[in-house]
């Protein structure tokens, strides 16, 4: 007997803590004390609790077809949740006295192809999550930087940044180190204010953010690239570009490129001379 979607959810996800959370929320919804709608995103399944319709929706994130969706009465799911995690398995299932989860484990191994195994799904799941790694440059960028400007010229993105250790604007009396970051032949890029990327910052490794502050990162399993690839009808299927992420004091830049960035430290005396020549039609961007 092949386990249905609810039983597979209990097998794959329903540890004691998950069971406690779902039971508490369903009890509150049934009694009218809880919220009208709740949604949970687990490793392999999405669970949607609808108190208005008194329904529970179960969605297999790896199966977008109808076979990966199931909806049942909230009260019935509550009883199923309690019963299937406490009762023993009947003899007709081929296992006795070991609990329904053991039965489901053995059934899943026999009935599911190898690519649908739990280990395979967990491996795919790890690849789905964005992974951020600090990108080392030569010369090294300061721990905290702020952006002074950006120019785009024939798919070439050039960013001018400066050292900003205290998160303060530059004063007339102080001179901060400035760097030019050039991305040749950029495929696509986007710029956002830092306050609009709070979810991204929250999902980054806290130890990584704490140790580096701001800076340049690479992103594996990039959602930005997946969106672009989908928009272009999988134009980049054979060769994926690298997603570079630049986090500054005020802004966040996502840049897709096949070529690594070129970082150059600008000389302070040259910058001062260029700034003095601004009125004569010169710009600091003449350096890049």
C-alpha atoms as a PDB file:
ATOM      1  CA  UNK A   1       0.000   0.000   0.000  1.00  0.00           C
ATOM      2  CA  UNK A   2       1.546   3.281  -1.125  1.00  0.00           C
ATOM      3  CA  UNK A   3       1.430   6.102   1.469  1.00  0.00           C
ATOM      4  CA  UNK A   4      -0.606   9.137   0.488  1.00  0.00           C
ATOM      5  CA  UNK A   5       0.668  12.701   0.673  1.00  0.00           C
ATOM      6  CA  UNK A   6      -0.384  13.185   4.300  1.00  0.00           C
ATOM      7  CA  UNK A   7       1.385  10.009   5.378  1.00  0.00           C
ATOM      8  CA  UNK A   8       4.484  10.999   3.427  1.00  0.00           C
ATOM      9  CA  UNK A   9       4.475  14.358   5.198  1.00  0.00           C
ATOM     10  CA  UNK A  10       4.360  12.569   8.560  1.00  0.00           C
ATOM     11  CA  UNK A  11       7.242  10.367   7.478  1.00  0.00           C
ATOM     12  CA  UNK A  12       9.463  13.095   6.096  1.00  0.00           C
ATOM     13  CA  UNK A  13       8.761  16.069   8.324  1.00  0.00           C
ATOM     14  CA  UNK A  14       6.702  15.284  11.391  1.00  0.00           C
ATOM     15  CA  UNK A  15       9.140  15.312  14.284  1.00  0.00           C
ATOM     16  CA  UNK A  16       7.778  15.949  17.820  1.00  0.00           C
ATOM     17  CA  UNK A  17       8.299  19.720  17.565  1.00  0.00           C
ATOM     18  CA  UNK A  18       6.529  19.976  14.201  1.00  0.00           C
ATOM     19  CA  UNK A  19       3.672  17.844  15.523  1.00  0.00           C
ATOM     20  CA  UNK A  20       3.319  20.077  18.598  1.00  0.00           C
ATOM     21  CA  UNK A  21       3.255  23.283  16.551  1.00  0.00           C
ATOM     22  CA  UNK A  22       0.649  22.003  14.087  1.00  0.00           C
ATOM     23  CA  UNK A  23      -1.576  20.539  16.792  1.00  0.00           C
ATOM     24  CA  UNK A  24      -1.494  23.782  18.792  1.00  0.00           C
ATOM     25  CA  UNK A  25      -2.292  25.972  15.799  1.00  0.00           C
ATOM     26  CA  UNK A  26      -5.103  23.712  14.573  1.00  0.00           C
ATOM     27  CA  UNK A  27      -6.655  23.591  18.048  1.00  0.00           C
ATOM     28  CA  UNK A  28      -6.575  27.389  18.226  1.00  0.00           C
ATOM     29  CA  UNK A  29      -8.087  27.719  14.759  1.00  0.00           C
ATOM     30  CA  UNK A  30     -10.872  25.229  15.467  1.00  0.00           C
ATOM     31  CA  UNK A  31     -11.741  27.047  18.686  1.00  0.00           C
ATOM     32  CA  UNK A  32     -11.691  30.419  16.955  1.00  0.00           C
ATOM     33  CA  UNK A  33      -8.825  31.815  19.035  1.00  0.00           C
ATOM     34  CA  UNK A  34      -6.120  31.519  16.423  1.00  0.00           C
ATOM     35  CA  UNK A  35      -5.380  33.337  13.147  1.00  0.00           C
ATOM     36  CA  UNK A  36      -7.536  32.718  10.103  1.00  0.00           C
ATOM     37  CA  UNK A  37      -4.656  31.537   7.944  1.00  0.00           C
ATOM     38  CA  UNK A  38      -1.247  30.014   8.572  1.00  0.00           C
ATOM     39  CA  UNK A  39       1.417  28.777   6.171  1.00  0.00           C
ATOM     40  CA  UNK A  40       4.475  26.657   6.965  1.00  0.00           C
ATOM     41  CA  UNK A  41       7.416  25.956   4.642  1.00  0.00           C
ATOM     42  CA  UNK A  42       9.177  22.774   5.679  1.00  0.00           C
ATOM     43  CA  UNK A  43      12.084  21.051   3.944  1.00  0.00           C
ATOM     44  CA  UNK A  44       9.997  19.004   1.532  1.00  0.00           C
ATOM     45  CA  UNK A  45       6.410  20.187   1.965  1.00  0.00           C
ATOM     46  CA  UNK A  46       4.362  23.353   2.334  1.00  0.00           C
ATOM     47  CA  UNK A  47       1.450  23.235   4.778  1.00  0.00           C
ATOM     48  CA  UNK A  48      -1.405  25.744   4.575  1.00  0.00           C
ATOM     49  CA  UNK A  49      -3.945  26.010   7.396  1.00  0.00           C
ATOM     50  CA  UNK A  50      -7.197  27.753   6.431  1.00  0.00           C
ATOM     51  CA  UNK A  51      -9.479  28.423   9.430  1.00  0.00           C
ATOM     52  CA  UNK A  52     -12.217  29.993   7.277  1.00  0.00           C
ATOM     53  CA  UNK A  53     -12.696  26.903   5.129  1.00  0.00           C
ATOM     54  CA  UNK A  54     -11.499  24.543   7.890  1.00  0.00           C
ATOM     55  CA  UNK A  55      -9.107  22.959   5.410  1.00  0.00           C
ATOM     56  CA  UNK A  56      -5.480  21.839   5.471  1.00  0.00           C
ATOM     57  CA  UNK A  57      -3.495  21.933   2.240  1.00  0.00           C
ATOM     58  CA  UNK A  58      -0.362  19.797   1.773  1.00  0.00           C
ATOM     59  CA  UNK A  59       1.987  20.550  -1.129  1.00  0.00           C
ATOM     60  CA  UNK A  60       5.055  18.570  -2.192  1.00  0.00           C
ATOM     61  CA  UNK A  61       7.551  21.250  -3.321  1.00  0.00           C
ATOM     62  CA  UNK A  62       9.236  18.742  -5.660  1.00  0.00           C
ATOM     63  CA  UNK A  63       6.002  17.678  -7.354  1.00  0.00           C
ATOM     64  CA  UNK A  64       4.071  20.577  -8.987  1.00  0.00           C
ATOM     65  CA  UNK A  65       1.462  18.213 -10.458  1.00  0.00           C
ATOM     66  CA  UNK A  66      -1.845  17.211  -8.901  1.00  0.00           C
ATOM     67  CA  UNK A  67      -0.164  14.215  -7.296  1.00  0.00           C
ATOM     68  CA  UNK A  68       1.834  16.641  -5.184  1.00  0.00           C
ATOM     69  CA  UNK A  69      -1.231  18.377  -3.744  1.00  0.00           C
ATOM     70  CA  UNK A  70      -3.718  17.267  -1.149  1.00  0.00           C
ATOM     71  CA  UNK A  71      -6.479  18.996   0.805  1.00  0.00           C
ATOM     72  CA  UNK A  72      -8.432  17.555   3.705  1.00  0.00           C
ATOM     73  CA  UNK A  73     -10.640  18.678   6.556  1.00  0.00           C
ATOM     74  CA  UNK A  74      -8.765  20.366   9.383  1.00  0.00           C
ATOM     75  CA  UNK A  75     -10.391  18.203  12.045  1.00  0.00           C
ATOM     76  CA  UNK A  76      -9.592  15.048  10.094  1.00  0.00           C
ATOM     77  CA  UNK A  77      -5.956  16.127   9.685  1.00  0.00           C
ATOM     78  CA  UNK A  78      -5.799  16.794  13.413  1.00  0.00           C
ATOM     79  CA  UNK A  79      -6.972  13.247  14.171  1.00  0.00           C
ATOM     80  CA  UNK A  80      -4.667  11.810  11.512  1.00  0.00           C
ATOM     81  CA  UNK A  81      -1.748  13.701  12.979  1.00  0.00           C
ATOM     82  CA  UNK A  82      -2.445  12.269  16.410  1.00  0.00           C
ATOM     83  CA  UNK A  83      -3.263   8.721  15.308  1.00  0.00           C
ATOM     84  CA  UNK A  84      -0.469   8.095  12.798  1.00  0.00           C
ATOM     85  CA  UNK A  85       2.230   9.207  15.200  1.00  0.00           C
ATOM     86  CA  UNK A  86       1.034   7.008  18.084  1.00  0.00           C
ATOM     87  CA  UNK A  87      -0.561   3.821  16.757  1.00  0.00           C
ATOM     88  CA  UNK A  88       1.162   0.592  15.798  1.00  0.00           C
ATOM     89  CA  UNK A  89       1.134  -0.736  12.279  1.00  0.00           C
ATOM     90  CA  UNK A  90      -1.318  -3.542  11.439  1.00  0.00           C
ATOM     91  CA  UNK A  91       0.068  -6.926  10.524  1.00  0.00           C
ATOM     92  CA  UNK A  92      -1.319  -6.583   6.991  1.00  0.00           C
ATOM     93  CA  UNK A  93       1.222  -3.817   6.341  1.00  0.00           C
ATOM     94  CA  UNK A  94       4.084  -6.248   6.706  1.00  0.00           C
ATOM     95  CA  UNK A  95       5.402  -4.768   9.971  1.00  0.00           C
ATOM     96  CA  UNK A  96       4.140  -5.381  13.486  1.00  0.00           C
ATOM     97  CA  UNK A  97       4.601  -3.360  16.627  1.00  0.00           C
ATOM     98  CA  UNK A  98       7.130  -0.949  15.120  1.00  0.00           C
ATOM     99  CA  UNK A  99       4.885   2.069  14.549  1.00  0.00           C
ATOM    100  CA  UNK A 100       3.452   3.484  11.388  1.00  0.00           C
ATOM    101  CA  UNK A 101       6.532   5.569  10.681  1.00  0.00           C
ATOM    102  CA  UNK A 102       8.654   2.436  10.350  1.00  0.00           C
ATOM    103  CA  UNK A 103       6.112   1.011   7.942  1.00  0.00           C
ATOM    104  CA  UNK A 104       6.116   4.153   5.871  1.00  0.00           C
ATOM    105  CA  UNK A 105       9.892   4.166   5.798  1.00  0.00           C
ATOM    106  CA  UNK A 106      10.091   0.659   4.400  1.00  0.00           C
ATOM    107  CA  UNK A 107       7.224   1.282   1.975  1.00  0.00           C
ATOM    108  CA  UNK A 108       8.800   4.452   0.638  1.00  0.00           C
ATOM    109  CA  UNK A 109      12.069   2.660  -0.069  1.00  0.00           C
ATOM    110  CA  UNK A 110      10.288  -0.099  -1.997  1.00  0.00           C
ATOM    111  CA  UNK A 111       7.762   2.007  -3.884  1.00  0.00           C
ATOM    112  CA  UNK A 112       9.713   5.162  -4.647  1.00  0.00           C
ATOM    113  CA  UNK A 113      12.359   5.368  -7.371  1.00  0.00           C
ATOM    114  CA  UNK A 114      15.840   6.271  -6.296  1.00  0.00           C
ATOM    115  CA  UNK A 115      15.576   9.891  -7.445  1.00  0.00           C
ATOM    116  CA  UNK A 116      12.593  10.392  -5.120  1.00  0.00           C
ATOM    117  CA  UNK A 117      14.371   9.082  -2.020  1.00  0.00           C
ATOM    118  CA  UNK A 118      14.594  11.232   1.098  1.00  0.00           C
ATOM    119  CA  UNK A 119      18.365  11.506   0.764  1.00  0.00           C
ATOM    120  CA  UNK A 120      18.034  12.688  -2.818  1.00  0.00           C
ATOM    121  CA  UNK A 121      15.393  15.275  -1.916  1.00  0.00           C
ATOM    122  CA  UNK A 122      17.499  16.601   0.923  1.00  0.00           C
ATOM    123  CA  UNK A 123      20.452  16.884  -1.438  1.00  0.00           C
ATOM    124  CA  UNK A 124      18.349  18.804  -3.946  1.00  0.00           C
ATOM    125  CA  UNK A 125      16.990  20.965  -1.153  1.00  0.00           C
ATOM    126  CA  UNK A 126      20.482  22.013  -0.095  1.00  0.00           C
ATOM    127  CA  UNK A 127      21.174  23.055  -3.670  1.00  0.00           C
ATOM    128  CA  UNK A 128      18.007  25.129  -3.770  1.00  0.00           C
ATOM    129  CA  UNK A 129      19.027  27.389  -0.918  1.00  0.00           C
ATOM    130  CA  UNK A 130      21.174  30.393  -1.652  1.00  0.00           C
ATOM    131  CA  UNK A 131      24.672  30.079  -0.224  1.00  0.00           C
ATOM    132  CA  UNK A 132      26.763  33.203   0.340  1.00  0.00           C
ATOM    133  CA  UNK A 133      30.575  33.137   0.346  1.00  0.00           C
ATOM    134  CA  UNK A 134      32.938  36.021   0.851  1.00  0.00           C
ATOM    135  CA  UNK A 135      34.782  36.830  -2.371  1.00  0.00           C
ATOM    136  CA  UNK A 136      38.429  37.706  -1.780  1.00  0.00           C
ATOM    137  CA  UNK A 137      39.847  40.446  -3.990  1.00  0.00           C
ATOM    138  CA  UNK A 138      43.301  41.916  -4.605  1.00  0.00           C
ATOM    139  CA  UNK A 139      43.592  44.487  -3.214  1.00  0.00           C
ATOM    140  CA  UNK A 140      41.236  43.569  -0.393  1.00  0.00           C
ATOM    141  CA  UNK A 141      38.150  45.678   0.109  1.00  0.00           C
ATOM    142  CA  UNK A 142      37.589  47.297   3.531  1.00  0.00           C
ATOM    143  CA  UNK A 143      35.194  45.654   5.956  1.00  0.00           C
ATOM    144  CA  UNK A 144      32.622  48.432   5.572  1.00  0.00           C
ATOM    145  CA  UNK A 145      32.194  50.450   2.407  1.00  0.00           C
ATOM    146  CA  UNK A 146      29.801  52.960   0.937  1.00  0.00           C
ATOM    147  CA  UNK A 147      28.994  53.556  -2.726  1.00  0.00           C
ATOM    148  CA  UNK A 148      29.904  56.847  -4.385  1.00  0.00           C
ATOM    149  CA  UNK A 149      28.529  56.087  -7.838  1.00  0.00           C
ATOM    150  CA  UNK A 150      27.887  53.614 -10.641  1.00  0.00           C
ATOM    151  CA  UNK A 151      28.295  53.848 -14.399  1.00  0.00           C
ATOM    152  CA  UNK A 152      27.333  51.419 -17.151  1.00  0.00           C
ATOM    153  CA  UNK A 153      29.127  51.404 -20.471  1.00  0.00           C
ATOM    154  CA  UNK A 154      28.559  48.696 -23.089  1.00  0.00           C
ATOM    155  CA  UNK A 155      27.635  45.977 -20.557  1.00  0.00           C
ATOM    156  CA  UNK A 156      30.485  47.061 -18.300  1.00  0.00           C
ATOM    157  CA  UNK A 157      29.509  47.980 -14.742  1.00  0.00           C
ATOM    158  CA  UNK A 158      31.883  50.153 -12.731  1.00  0.00           C
ATOM    159  CA  UNK A 159      31.322  50.948  -9.063  1.00  0.00           C
ATOM    160  CA  UNK A 160      33.258  53.480  -7.045  1.00  0.00           C
ATOM    161  CA  UNK A 161      33.300  52.712  -3.320  1.00  0.00           C
ATOM    162  CA  UNK A 162      35.144  54.085  -0.331  1.00  0.00           C
ATOM    163  CA  UNK A 163      36.085  52.932   3.134  1.00  0.00           C
ATOM    164  CA  UNK A 164      33.358  53.760   5.661  1.00  0.00           C
ATOM    165  CA  UNK A 165      34.379  52.292   9.054  1.00  0.00           C
ATOM    166  CA  UNK A 166      31.879  54.266  11.119  1.00  0.00           C
ATOM    167  CA  UNK A 167      29.001  54.345   8.675  1.00  0.00           C
ATOM    168  CA  UNK A 168      29.372  58.109   8.347  1.00  0.00           C
ATOM    169  CA  UNK A 169      29.545  60.426   5.403  1.00  0.00           C
ATOM    170  CA  UNK A 170      32.926  61.769   4.400  1.00  0.00           C
ATOM    171  CA  UNK A 171      33.927  65.127   5.884  1.00  0.00           C
ATOM    172  CA  UNK A 172      36.036  67.739   4.169  1.00  0.00           C
ATOM    173  CA  UNK A 173      39.003  67.186   6.505  1.00  0.00           C
ATOM    174  CA  UNK A 174      39.342  63.420   6.224  1.00  0.00           C
ATOM    175  CA  UNK A 175      40.470  61.278   3.338  1.00  0.00           C
ATOM    176  CA  UNK A 176      39.150  57.752   2.940  1.00  0.00           C
ATOM    177  CA  UNK A 177      40.472  54.923   0.806  1.00  0.00           C
ATOM    178  CA  UNK A 178      38.582  54.584  -2.455  1.00  0.00           C
ATOM    179  CA  UNK A 179      38.296  51.576  -4.717  1.00  0.00           C
ATOM    180  CA  UNK A 180      37.062  50.977  -8.250  1.00  0.00           C
ATOM    181  CA  UNK A 181      35.191  47.690  -8.820  1.00  0.00           C
ATOM    182  CA  UNK A 182      34.741  46.845 -12.482  1.00  0.00           C
ATOM    183  CA  UNK A 183      32.531  44.001 -13.816  1.00  0.00           C
ATOM    184  CA  UNK A 184      33.310  43.435 -17.516  1.00  0.00           C
ATOM    185  CA  UNK A 185      30.575  42.149 -19.833  1.00  0.00           C
ATOM    186  CA  UNK A 186      27.807  42.050 -17.246  1.00  0.00           C
ATOM    187  CA  UNK A 187      24.714  40.047 -18.180  1.00  0.00           C
ATOM    188  CA  UNK A 188      22.312  41.718 -15.762  1.00  0.00           C
ATOM    189  CA  UNK A 189      22.343  43.669 -12.523  1.00  0.00           C
ATOM    190  CA  UNK A 190      19.991  45.244 -10.008  1.00  0.00           C
ATOM    191  CA  UNK A 191      20.394  47.819  -7.280  1.00  0.00           C
ATOM    192  CA  UNK A 192      18.326  48.029  -4.099  1.00  0.00           C
ATOM    193  CA  UNK A 193      18.382  50.083  -0.947  1.00  0.00           C
ATOM    194  CA  UNK A 194      19.733  48.014   1.930  1.00  0.00           C
ATOM    195  CA  UNK A 195      16.512  48.429   3.921  1.00  0.00           C
ATOM    196  CA  UNK A 196      14.597  46.675   1.097  1.00  0.00           C
ATOM    197  CA  UNK A 197      16.773  43.544   1.330  1.00  0.00           C
ATOM    198  CA  UNK A 198      16.186  42.682   4.975  1.00  0.00           C
ATOM    199  CA  UNK A 199      14.983  39.169   4.180  1.00  0.00           C
ATOM    200  CA  UNK A 200      18.157  38.421   2.233  1.00  0.00           C
ATOM    201  CA  UNK A 201      20.342  39.787   5.032  1.00  0.00           C
ATOM    202  CA  UNK A 202      18.383  37.743   7.576  1.00  0.00           C
ATOM    203  CA  UNK A 203      19.006  34.496   5.670  1.00  0.00           C
ATOM    204  CA  UNK A 204      22.766  35.006   5.447  1.00  0.00           C
ATOM    205  CA  UNK A 205      24.999  33.195   7.893  1.00  0.00           C
ATOM    206  CA  UNK A 206      25.115  35.457  10.993  1.00  0.00           C
ATOM    207  CA  UNK A 207      28.761  34.596  11.637  1.00  0.00           C
ATOM    208  CA  UNK A 208      29.641  35.565   8.061  1.00  0.00           C
ATOM    209  CA  UNK A 209      27.859  38.903   8.279  1.00  0.00           C
ATOM    210  CA  UNK A 210      29.290  39.628  11.721  1.00  0.00           C
ATOM    211  CA  UNK A 211      32.849  38.862  10.641  1.00  0.00           C
ATOM    212  CA  UNK A 212      32.780  40.766   7.354  1.00  0.00           C
ATOM    213  CA  UNK A 213      30.176  43.482   7.829  1.00  0.00           C
ATOM    214  CA  UNK A 214      29.708  44.592   4.259  1.00  0.00           C
ATOM    215  CA  UNK A 215      31.642  43.543   1.198  1.00  0.00           C
ATOM    216  CA  UNK A 216      31.626  41.425  -1.927  1.00  0.00           C
ATOM    217  CA  UNK A 217      30.131  37.918  -1.958  1.00  0.00           C
ATOM    218  CA  UNK A 218      29.335  35.179  -4.448  1.00  0.00           C
ATOM    219  CA  UNK A 219      25.909  33.519  -4.383  1.00  0.00           C
ATOM    220  CA  UNK A 220      25.329  29.857  -5.177  1.00  0.00           C
ATOM    221  CA  UNK A 221      21.862  28.665  -6.261  1.00  0.00           C
ATOM    222  CA  UNK A 222      21.011  32.248  -7.108  1.00  0.00           C
ATOM    223  CA  UNK A 223      17.297  33.070  -7.238  1.00  0.00           C
ATOM    224  CA  UNK A 224      18.140  36.164  -9.257  1.00  0.00           C
ATOM    225  CA  UNK A 225      19.786  33.996 -11.925  1.00  0.00           C
ATOM    226  CA  UNK A 226      16.956  31.446 -11.865  1.00  0.00           C
ATOM    227  CA  UNK A 227      14.492  34.268 -12.473  1.00  0.00           C
ATOM    228  CA  UNK A 228      16.553  35.599 -15.402  1.00  0.00           C
ATOM    229  CA  UNK A 229      17.025  32.118 -16.873  1.00  0.00           C
ATOM    230  CA  UNK A 230      13.280  31.509 -16.685  1.00  0.00           C
ATOM    231  CA  UNK A 231      12.524  34.886 -18.269  1.00  0.00           C
ATOM    232  CA  UNK A 232      14.869  34.073 -21.177  1.00  0.00           C
ATOM    233  CA  UNK A 233      13.408  30.574 -21.688  1.00  0.00           C
ATOM    234  CA  UNK A 234      16.504  28.843 -20.279  1.00  0.00           C
ATOM    235  CA  UNK A 235      18.987  30.672 -22.437  1.00  0.00           C
ATOM    236  CA  UNK A 236      21.721  30.086 -19.865  1.00  0.00           C
ATOM    237  CA  UNK A 237      21.022  26.387 -19.370  1.00  0.00           C
ATOM    238  CA  UNK A 238      24.418  25.257 -20.690  1.00  0.00           C
ATOM    239  CA  UNK A 239      26.522  27.800 -18.815  1.00  0.00           C
ATOM    240  CA  UNK A 240      25.442  29.703 -15.726  1.00  0.00           C
ATOM    241  CA  UNK A 241      27.098  33.037 -14.887  1.00  0.00           C
ATOM    242  CA  UNK A 242      28.387  33.896 -11.421  1.00  0.00           C
ATOM    243  CA  UNK A 243      26.153  35.912  -9.130  1.00  0.00           C
ATOM    244  CA  UNK A 244      28.182  38.592  -7.329  1.00  0.00           C
ATOM    245  CA  UNK A 245      26.600  40.350  -4.368  1.00  0.00           C
ATOM    246  CA  UNK A 246      27.988  43.700  -3.190  1.00  0.00           C
ATOM    247  CA  UNK A 247      26.664  44.944   0.161  1.00  0.00           C
ATOM    248  CA  UNK A 248      27.503  48.536   1.059  1.00  0.00           C
ATOM    249  CA  UNK A 249      26.426  50.827   3.871  1.00  0.00           C
ATOM    250  CA  UNK A 250      23.319  52.016   2.025  1.00  0.00           C
ATOM    251  CA  UNK A 251      22.824  49.766  -1.005  1.00  0.00           C
ATOM    252  CA  UNK A 252      22.904  46.191  -2.276  1.00  0.00           C
ATOM    253  CA  UNK A 253      23.994  45.270  -5.812  1.00  0.00           C
ATOM    254  CA  UNK A 254      23.303  41.931  -7.524  1.00  0.00           C
ATOM    255  CA  UNK A 255      25.459  41.412 -10.611  1.00  0.00           C
ATOM    256  CA  UNK A 256      25.519  38.449 -13.015  1.00  0.00           C
ATOM    257  CA  UNK A 257      28.724  38.079 -15.003  1.00  0.00           C
ATOM    258  CA  UNK A 258      30.912  35.431 -16.590  1.00  0.00           C
ATOM    259  CA  UNK A 259      34.022  37.393 -15.667  1.00  0.00           C
ATOM    260  CA  UNK A 260      35.388  38.111 -12.180  1.00  0.00           C
ATOM    261  CA  UNK A 261      35.483  41.723 -11.006  1.00  0.00           C
ATOM    262  CA  UNK A 262      38.629  43.823 -11.252  1.00  0.00           C
ATOM    263  CA  UNK A 263      39.358  45.840  -8.112  1.00  0.00           C
ATOM    264  CA  UNK A 264      41.688  48.843  -8.161  1.00  0.00           C
ATOM    265  CA  UNK A 265      42.620  51.091  -5.264  1.00  0.00           C
ATOM    266  CA  UNK A 266      42.695  54.731  -6.316  1.00  0.00           C
ATOM    267  CA  UNK A 267      45.429  57.032  -5.111  1.00  0.00           C
ATOM    268  CA  UNK A 268      44.216  59.775  -2.737  1.00  0.00           C
ATOM    269  CA  UNK A 269      46.344  62.506  -4.322  1.00  0.00           C
ATOM    270  CA  UNK A 270      44.981  61.643  -7.751  1.00  0.00           C
ATOM    271  CA  UNK A 271      41.440  61.812  -6.394  1.00  0.00           C
ATOM    272  CA  UNK A 272      42.043  65.206  -4.824  1.00  0.00           C
ATOM    273  CA  UNK A 273      43.428  66.555  -8.078  1.00  0.00           C
ATOM    274  CA  UNK A 274      40.479  65.152 -10.010  1.00  0.00           C
ATOM    275  CA  UNK A 275      38.031  66.660  -7.534  1.00  0.00           C
ATOM    276  CA  UNK A 276      39.680  70.051  -7.962  1.00  0.00           C
ATOM    277  CA  UNK A 277      39.361  69.754 -11.723  1.00  0.00           C
ATOM    278  CA  UNK A 278      35.610  69.089 -11.639  1.00  0.00           C
ATOM    279  CA  UNK A 279      34.838  72.691 -12.565  1.00  0.00           C
ATOM    280  CA  UNK A 280      37.058  72.361 -15.658  1.00  0.00           C
ATOM    281  CA  UNK A 281      34.981  69.512 -17.056  1.00  0.00           C
ATOM    282  CA  UNK A 282      36.849  66.589 -15.537  1.00  0.00           C
ATOM    283  CA  UNK A 283      35.333  63.812 -13.441  1.00  0.00           C
ATOM    284  CA  UNK A 284      36.663  61.089 -11.201  1.00  0.00           C
ATOM    285  CA  UNK A 285      35.060  58.658 -13.641  1.00  0.00           C
ATOM    286  CA  UNK A 286      37.765  59.598 -16.149  1.00  0.00           C
ATOM    287  CA  UNK A 287      39.945  57.222 -14.163  1.00  0.00           C
ATOM    288  CA  UNK A 288      37.829  54.145 -14.976  1.00  0.00           C
END
